[in-house]
């Protein structure tokens, strides 16, 4: 469960959503590429074609939107970072 400090709203996260956020949080200010995230979060082998990351990100942004934080995950050209 993730709790938004300002609003007190709670958000239920799946294990992969939580690990995705933790992985981004562990690299403050850094852009992590898609390959790195697929290996770190989903334990996928290099070169696997999947839309898992994008699907999880879409659902996670929907959950974060409840607290007005959908934009907290910045993405550009296959790279991702948290806006803190």
Protein backbone atom coordinates (compact mmCIF):
# COMPACT_ATOMS: atom_id res chain seq x y z
CA UNK A 1 0.00 0.00 0.00
CA UNK A 2 1.22 3.47 -0.90
CA UNK A 3 -0.04 6.44 1.06
CA UNK A 4 -0.08 9.98 -0.32
CA UNK A 5 1.14 12.17 2.53
CA UNK A 6 -0.70 15.37 1.57
CA UNK A 7 -4.13 13.85 0.96
CA UNK A 8 -3.96 10.72 3.09
CA UNK A 9 -5.22 8.66 0.12
CA UNK A 10 -4.02 5.07 0.03
CA UNK A 11 -3.25 3.18 -3.15
CA UNK A 12 -2.97 -0.59 -3.41
CA UNK A 13 0.03 -1.56 -5.50
CA UNK A 14 0.85 -4.90 -7.04
CA UNK A 15 4.26 -6.38 -6.23
CA UNK A 16 5.59 -5.36 -9.65
CA UNK A 17 4.25 -1.80 -9.35
CA UNK A 18 5.94 -1.49 -5.97
CA UNK A 19 9.21 -2.91 -7.31
CA UNK A 20 9.01 -0.60 -10.35
CA UNK A 21 8.67 2.46 -8.08
CA UNK A 22 11.42 1.22 -5.74
CA UNK A 23 13.77 0.70 -8.67
CA UNK A 24 13.16 4.23 -9.96
CA UNK A 25 13.44 5.66 -6.44
CA UNK A 26 16.81 3.96 -5.95
CA UNK A 27 18.19 5.96 -8.91
CA UNK A 28 17.33 9.58 -8.00
CA UNK A 29 17.60 11.98 -10.90
CA UNK A 30 18.67 9.23 -13.28
CA UNK A 31 16.85 8.02 -16.35
CA UNK A 32 16.59 4.23 -16.40
CA UNK A 33 16.17 2.60 -19.76
CA UNK A 34 13.51 0.06 -20.65
CA UNK A 35 15.99 -2.83 -20.80
CA UNK A 36 17.30 -2.12 -17.30
CA UNK A 37 13.78 -1.98 -15.87
CA UNK A 38 12.65 -5.17 -17.62
CA UNK A 39 15.63 -7.03 -16.19
CA UNK A 40 15.47 -5.46 -12.70
CA UNK A 41 11.72 -5.54 -12.13
CA UNK A 42 10.44 -8.39 -14.29
CA UNK A 43 13.61 -10.50 -14.57
CA UNK A 44 13.22 -10.64 -18.34
CA UNK A 45 16.10 -11.77 -20.54
CA UNK A 46 17.72 -9.27 -22.87
CA UNK A 47 15.96 -8.96 -26.21
CA UNK A 48 12.51 -10.14 -25.09
CA UNK A 49 9.69 -8.34 -26.89
CA UNK A 50 6.96 -7.33 -24.44
CA UNK A 51 4.66 -4.49 -23.49
CA UNK A 52 4.70 -5.42 -19.81
CA UNK A 53 6.47 -2.24 -18.73
CA UNK A 54 4.11 0.04 -20.63
CA UNK A 55 1.04 -1.84 -19.37
CA UNK A 56 2.19 -1.65 -15.74
CA UNK A 57 3.11 2.02 -16.14
CA UNK A 58 -0.32 2.82 -17.58
CA UNK A 59 -2.09 1.12 -14.67
CA UNK A 60 0.25 2.66 -12.10
CA UNK A 61 -0.36 6.15 -13.50
CA UNK A 62 -4.11 5.54 -13.24
CA UNK A 63 -3.68 4.67 -9.57
CA UNK A 64 -1.41 7.67 -8.91
CA UNK A 65 -3.93 9.96 -10.62
CA UNK A 66 -6.24 9.44 -7.64
CA UNK A 67 -3.84 11.67 -5.69
CA UNK A 68 -3.04 13.96 -8.60
CA UNK A 69 0.39 12.37 -9.02
CA UNK A 70 0.06 10.64 -12.41
CA UNK A 71 2.94 12.77 -13.70
CA UNK A 72 5.38 11.64 -11.03
CA UNK A 73 6.89 9.09 -13.44
CA UNK A 74 8.58 10.88 -16.31
CA UNK A 75 9.17 8.96 -19.52
CA UNK A 76 10.95 9.92 -22.72
CA UNK A 77 12.23 7.76 -25.57
CA UNK A 78 12.17 4.50 -23.60
CA UNK A 79 13.73 5.99 -20.47
CA UNK A 80 12.03 6.53 -17.12
CA UNK A 81 12.63 8.42 -13.86
CA UNK A 82 10.73 9.63 -10.85
CA UNK A 83 10.01 13.32 -10.49
CA UNK A 84 10.66 13.98 -6.81
